[in-house]
Amino acid sequence: MGVHTRYINGLGKSVTVAPETLVRVCAALGAPIARPEDAADALRAHRETAGAGLVPPVLVAWDGFLAPLAISADGPAQLQVHLEDGPVVSLLRAGAQFRVPLA
């Protein structure tokens, strides 16, 4: 589901996320999970719907760069960028690509 199970903290120490925390994060993301034992079924359900061409509801652009995103050219799609200082910019679609409109 894109949830990290380990990370390096500010002191450079490797930290493993507790199973209960992962359950709560995945449930908050909409997974059908209430306890660690539900993880296999929840992951299976996620993988079945992951091929539907949907993109994550939130993507973060670090230092102004957004990683490439594969979007099916079929069907409608609308993307908006919510800038950290408040404005919202709607992106223009050209096939399977989106671009920022020229001012």
N, C-alpha and C. Protein backbone atom coordinates (compact mmCIF):
# COMPACT_ATOMS: atom_id res chain seq x y z
N MET A 1 0.82 -1.20 0.00
CA MET A 1 0.00 0.00 0.00
C MET A 1 0.85 1.25 0.00
N GLY A 2 2.15 1.09 -0.08
CA GLY A 2 3.04 2.24 -0.08
C GLY A 2 3.39 2.75 1.30
N VAL A 3 3.04 2.00 2.32
CA VAL A 3 3.34 2.40 3.70
C VAL A 3 4.69 1.79 4.09
N HIS A 4 5.59 2.63 4.54
CA HIS A 4 6.92 2.15 4.92
C HIS A 4 6.85 1.40 6.26
N THR A 5 7.52 0.28 6.32
CA THR A 5 7.54 -0.52 7.54
C THR A 5 8.79 -0.25 8.37
N ARG A 6 9.76 0.43 7.77
CA ARG A 6 10.99 0.80 8.46
C ARG A 6 11.42 2.17 7.98
N TYR A 7 12.17 2.87 8.82
CA TYR A 7 12.73 4.16 8.43
C TYR A 7 13.96 4.45 9.28
N ILE A 8 14.73 5.44 8.87
CA ILE A 8 15.90 5.88 9.63
C ILE A 8 15.49 7.17 10.33
N ASN A 9 15.61 7.19 11.65
CA ASN A 9 15.20 8.38 12.40
C ASN A 9 16.26 9.48 12.32
N GLY A 10 16.00 10.58 12.95
CA GLY A 10 16.89 11.74 12.91
C GLY A 10 18.25 11.49 13.52
N LEU A 11 18.39 10.45 14.30
CA LEU A 11 19.67 10.11 14.91
C LEU A 11 20.42 9.04 14.11
N GLY A 12 19.85 8.68 12.94
CA GLY A 12 20.49 7.68 12.09
C GLY A 12 20.21 6.25 12.48
N LYS A 13 19.27 6.05 13.39
CA LYS A 13 18.94 4.71 13.87
C LYS A 13 17.79 4.13 13.04
N SER A 14 17.92 2.86 12.67
CA SER A 14 16.85 2.17 11.94
C SER A 14 15.71 1.85 12.90
N VAL A 15 14.50 2.18 12.49
CA VAL A 15 13.31 1.97 13.32
C VAL A 15 12.33 1.09 12.54
N THR A 16 11.84 0.04 13.16
CA THR A 16 10.80 -0.80 12.57
C THR A 16 9.46 -0.37 13.15
N VAL A 17 8.51 -0.11 12.28
CA VAL A 17 7.19 0.36 12.70
C VAL A 17 6.42 -0.79 13.34
N ALA A 18 5.76 -0.52 14.45
CA ALA A 18 4.99 -1.53 15.17
C ALA A 18 3.81 -2.01 14.32
N PRO A 19 3.49 -3.31 14.39
CA PRO A 19 2.36 -3.84 13.62
C PRO A 19 1.05 -3.09 13.87
N GLU A 20 0.80 -2.70 15.11
CA GLU A 20 -0.43 -1.98 15.44
C GLU A 20 -0.48 -0.63 14.72
N THR A 21 0.67 0.02 14.60
CA THR A 21 0.73 1.30 13.88
C THR A 21 0.45 1.10 12.41
N LEU A 22 1.03 0.05 11.82
CA LEU A 22 0.78 -0.24 10.41
C LEU A 22 -0.69 -0.53 10.15
N VAL A 23 -1.33 -1.28 11.06
CA VAL A 23 -2.75 -1.58 10.92
C VAL A 23 -3.55 -0.28 10.90
N ARG A 24 -3.27 0.62 11.82
CA ARG A 24 -4.03 1.88 11.90
C ARG A 24 -3.79 2.77 10.68
N VAL A 25 -2.55 2.83 10.20
CA VAL A 25 -2.26 3.64 9.02
C VAL A 25 -2.97 3.06 7.80
N CYS A 26 -2.88 1.76 7.61
CA CYS A 26 -3.54 1.13 6.46
C CYS A 26 -5.06 1.27 6.54
N ALA A 27 -5.62 1.15 7.72
CA ALA A 27 -7.07 1.35 7.89
C ALA A 27 -7.44 2.79 7.55
N ALA A 28 -6.61 3.74 7.96
CA ALA A 28 -6.89 5.15 7.65
C ALA A 28 -6.82 5.40 6.14
N LEU A 29 -6.04 4.60 5.43
CA LEU A 29 -5.96 4.72 3.97
C LEU A 29 -7.08 3.96 3.26
N GLY A 30 -7.96 3.34 4.03
CA GLY A 30 -9.12 2.67 3.45
C GLY A 30 -9.01 1.16 3.33
N ALA A 31 -7.95 0.58 3.85
CA ALA A 31 -7.81 -0.88 3.78
C ALA A 31 -8.78 -1.55 4.73
N PRO A 32 -9.31 -2.71 4.33
CA PRO A 32 -10.21 -3.46 5.21
C PRO A 32 -9.40 -4.25 6.24
N ILE A 33 -8.89 -3.56 7.24
CA ILE A 33 -8.01 -4.19 8.22
C ILE A 33 -8.30 -3.64 9.61
N ALA A 34 -8.35 -4.54 10.60
CA ALA A 34 -8.59 -4.13 11.98
C ALA A 34 -7.54 -4.70 12.93
N ARG A 35 -6.79 -5.71 12.46
CA ARG A 35 -5.78 -6.34 13.30
C ARG A 35 -4.70 -6.91 12.38
N PRO A 36 -3.50 -7.16 12.91
CA PRO A 36 -2.42 -7.66 12.05
C PRO A 36 -2.78 -8.92 11.26
N GLU A 37 -3.62 -9.77 11.83
CA GLU A 37 -4.00 -11.00 11.15
C GLU A 37 -4.78 -10.75 9.85
N ASP A 38 -5.34 -9.55 9.70
CA ASP A 38 -6.10 -9.20 8.50
C ASP A 38 -5.20 -8.72 7.37
N ALA A 39 -3.90 -8.59 7.61
CA ALA A 39 -2.98 -7.97 6.66
C ALA A 39 -2.96 -8.67 5.30
N ALA A 40 -2.88 -9.99 5.28
CA ALA A 40 -2.80 -10.71 4.01
C ALA A 40 -4.03 -10.46 3.15
N ASP A 41 -5.21 -10.53 3.74
CA ASP A 41 -6.45 -10.28 2.98
C ASP A 41 -6.53 -8.84 2.52
N ALA A 42 -6.11 -7.90 3.37
CA ALA A 42 -6.15 -6.48 3.01
C ALA A 42 -5.19 -6.20 1.87
N LEU A 43 -4.00 -6.79 1.90
CA LEU A 43 -3.04 -6.59 0.83
C LEU A 43 -3.54 -7.20 -0.47
N ARG A 44 -4.15 -8.35 -0.39
CA ARG A 44 -4.72 -8.99 -1.58
C ARG A 44 -5.80 -8.10 -2.19
N ALA A 45 -6.67 -7.56 -1.37
CA ALA A 45 -7.73 -6.67 -1.86
C ALA A 45 -7.12 -5.42 -2.49
N HIS A 46 -6.07 -4.88 -1.88
CA HIS A 46 -5.42 -3.69 -2.43
C HIS A 46 -4.81 -3.99 -3.79
N ARG A 47 -4.14 -5.11 -3.92
CA ARG A 47 -3.51 -5.47 -5.19
C ARG A 47 -4.54 -5.70 -6.29
N GLU A 48 -5.71 -6.21 -5.94
CA GLU A 48 -6.76 -6.43 -6.93
C GLU A 48 -7.28 -5.12 -7.49
N THR A 49 -7.33 -4.08 -6.67
CA THR A 49 -7.84 -2.79 -7.14
C THR A 49 -6.74 -1.87 -7.62
N ALA A 50 -5.47 -2.20 -7.34
CA ALA A 50 -4.36 -1.33 -7.72
C ALA A 50 -4.22 -1.22 -9.23
N GLY A 51 -4.63 -2.23 -9.97
CA GLY A 51 -4.52 -2.19 -11.42
C GLY A 51 -5.65 -1.42 -12.08
N ALA A 52 -6.49 -0.77 -11.33
CA ALA A 52 -7.64 -0.05 -11.90
C ALA A 52 -7.27 1.28 -12.50
N GLY A 53 -5.97 1.63 -12.51
CA GLY A 53 -5.55 2.88 -13.12
C GLY A 53 -5.70 4.08 -12.21
N LEU A 54 -5.97 3.85 -10.94
CA LEU A 54 -6.13 4.96 -10.01
C LEU A 54 -4.77 5.43 -9.52
N VAL A 55 -4.68 6.68 -9.21
CA VAL A 55 -3.45 7.23 -8.65
C VAL A 55 -3.69 7.54 -7.18
N PRO A 56 -2.63 7.63 -6.39
CA PRO A 56 -2.81 7.98 -4.99
C PRO A 56 -3.48 9.34 -4.85
N PRO A 57 -4.28 9.54 -3.81
CA PRO A 57 -4.96 10.83 -3.65
C PRO A 57 -4.01 11.97 -3.33
N VAL A 58 -2.83 11.64 -2.82
CA VAL A 58 -1.85 12.68 -2.48
C VAL A 58 -0.47 12.25 -2.96
N LEU A 59 0.18 13.14 -3.68
CA LEU A 59 1.56 12.93 -4.11
C LEU A 59 2.35 14.14 -3.65
N VAL A 60 3.58 13.92 -3.25
CA VAL A 60 4.41 15.02 -2.76
C VAL A 60 5.55 15.26 -3.73
N ALA A 61 5.75 16.53 -4.09
CA ALA A 61 6.86 16.92 -4.96
C ALA A 61 7.94 17.52 -4.08
N TRP A 62 9.08 16.82 -4.00
CA TRP A 62 10.19 17.30 -3.18
C TRP A 62 11.06 18.22 -4.01
N ASP A 63 11.39 19.37 -3.45
CA ASP A 63 12.23 20.35 -4.12
C ASP A 63 11.66 20.74 -5.48
N GLY A 64 10.35 20.70 -5.60
CA GLY A 64 9.69 21.12 -6.83
C GLY A 64 9.60 20.06 -7.90
N PHE A 65 10.03 18.83 -7.63
CA PHE A 65 10.01 17.77 -8.63
C PHE A 65 9.08 16.65 -8.20
N LEU A 66 8.17 16.28 -9.09
CA LEU A 66 7.24 15.18 -8.85
C LEU A 66 7.72 13.98 -9.66
N ALA A 67 7.81 12.84 -9.04
CA ALA A 67 8.23 11.62 -9.75
C ALA A 67 7.25 11.34 -10.89
N PRO A 68 7.72 10.75 -11.98
CA PRO A 68 6.81 10.41 -13.10
C PRO A 68 5.66 9.56 -12.60
N LEU A 69 4.50 9.78 -13.20
CA LEU A 69 3.27 9.10 -12.78
C LEU A 69 2.59 8.53 -14.00
N ALA A 70 2.37 7.23 -14.02
CA ALA A 70 1.69 6.58 -15.15
C ALA A 70 0.19 6.74 -14.98
N ILE A 71 -0.45 7.31 -16.00
CA ILE A 71 -1.90 7.51 -15.98
C ILE A 71 -2.46 6.98 -17.29
N SER A 72 -3.49 6.17 -17.20
CA SER A 72 -4.12 5.65 -18.40
C SER A 72 -4.65 6.80 -19.24
N ALA A 73 -4.47 6.71 -20.55
CA ALA A 73 -4.95 7.77 -21.45
C ALA A 73 -6.46 7.67 -21.66
N ASP A 74 -7.07 6.58 -21.21
CA ASP A 74 -8.50 6.39 -21.38
C ASP A 74 -9.27 7.00 -20.23
N GLY A 75 -10.41 7.58 -20.52
CA GLY A 75 -11.29 8.10 -19.48
C GLY A 75 -10.88 9.46 -18.96
N PRO A 76 -11.78 10.09 -18.22
CA PRO A 76 -11.51 11.43 -17.71
C PRO A 76 -10.55 11.42 -16.54
N ALA A 77 -9.83 12.50 -16.39
CA ALA A 77 -8.93 12.66 -15.25
C ALA A 77 -8.74 14.16 -15.02
N GLN A 78 -8.64 14.52 -13.78
CA GLN A 78 -8.39 15.91 -13.42
C GLN A 78 -7.35 15.93 -12.31
N LEU A 79 -6.33 16.75 -12.48
CA LEU A 79 -5.29 16.87 -11.46
C LEU A 79 -5.18 18.31 -11.02
N GLN A 80 -4.98 18.48 -9.73
CA GLN A 80 -4.76 19.80 -9.16
C GLN A 80 -3.53 19.75 -8.28
N VAL A 81 -2.79 20.83 -8.28
CA VAL A 81 -1.64 20.97 -7.40
C VAL A 81 -2.01 21.99 -6.34
N HIS A 82 -1.93 21.57 -5.08
CA HIS A 82 -2.18 22.47 -3.96
C HIS A 82 -0.81 22.93 -3.47
N LEU A 83 -0.49 24.18 -3.73
CA LEU A 83 0.81 24.70 -3.34
C LEU A 83 0.87 24.96 -1.85
N GLU A 84 2.06 24.82 -1.28
CA GLU A 84 2.19 24.93 0.17
C GLU A 84 1.83 26.31 0.70
N ASP A 85 1.87 27.34 -0.16
CA ASP A 85 1.51 28.68 0.32
C ASP A 85 0.05 29.03 0.04
N GLY A 86 -0.76 28.04 -0.41
CA GLY A 86 -2.19 28.25 -0.50
C GLY A 86 -2.85 28.08 -1.85
N PRO A 87 -2.28 28.62 -2.95
CA PRO A 87 -2.98 28.54 -4.24
C PRO A 87 -3.15 27.11 -4.74
N VAL A 88 -4.19 26.91 -5.56
CA VAL A 88 -4.45 25.63 -6.20
C VAL A 88 -4.35 25.84 -7.71
N VAL A 89 -3.56 24.99 -8.38
CA VAL A 89 -3.36 25.09 -9.83
C VAL A 89 -3.91 23.83 -10.47
N SER A 90 -4.84 23.98 -11.41
CA SER A 90 -5.35 22.84 -12.17
C SER A 90 -4.39 22.55 -13.31
N LEU A 91 -4.07 21.29 -13.52
CA LEU A 91 -3.15 20.91 -14.60
C LEU A 91 -3.94 20.61 -15.86
N LEU A 92 -3.32 20.86 -17.00
CA LEU A 92 -3.95 20.59 -18.29
C LEU A 92 -3.50 19.22 -18.78
N ARG A 93 -4.44 18.48 -19.36
CA ARG A 93 -4.13 17.12 -19.84
C ARG A 93 -3.84 17.14 -21.32
N ALA A 94 -2.78 16.41 -21.68
CA ALA A 94 -2.43 16.19 -23.09
C ALA A 94 -2.11 14.71 -23.22
N GLY A 95 -3.11 13.90 -23.59
CA GLY A 95 -2.93 12.45 -23.67
C GLY A 95 -2.78 11.87 -22.29
N ALA A 96 -1.65 11.21 -22.04
CA ALA A 96 -1.39 10.62 -20.73
C ALA A 96 -0.50 11.50 -19.88
N GLN A 97 -0.27 12.74 -20.33
CA GLN A 97 0.57 13.66 -19.57
C GLN A 97 -0.21 14.86 -19.11
N PHE A 98 0.23 15.45 -18.02
CA PHE A 98 -0.37 16.67 -17.50
C PHE A 98 0.71 17.75 -17.44
N ARG A 99 0.31 18.99 -17.66
CA ARG A 99 1.27 20.09 -17.56
C ARG A 99 0.62 21.28 -16.87
N VAL A 100 1.48 22.12 -16.36
CA VAL A 100 1.03 23.35 -15.71
C VAL A 100 0.65 24.34 -16.80
N PRO A 101 -0.52 24.99 -16.73
CA PRO A 101 -0.88 25.97 -17.74
C PRO A 101 0.06 27.18 -17.68
N LEU A 102 0.33 27.73 -18.85
CA LEU A 102 1.17 28.93 -18.90
C LEU A 102 0.39 30.12 -18.39
N ALA A 103 1.06 30.97 -17.66
CA ALA A 103 0.40 32.15 -17.07
C ALA A 103 0.17 33.20 -18.12
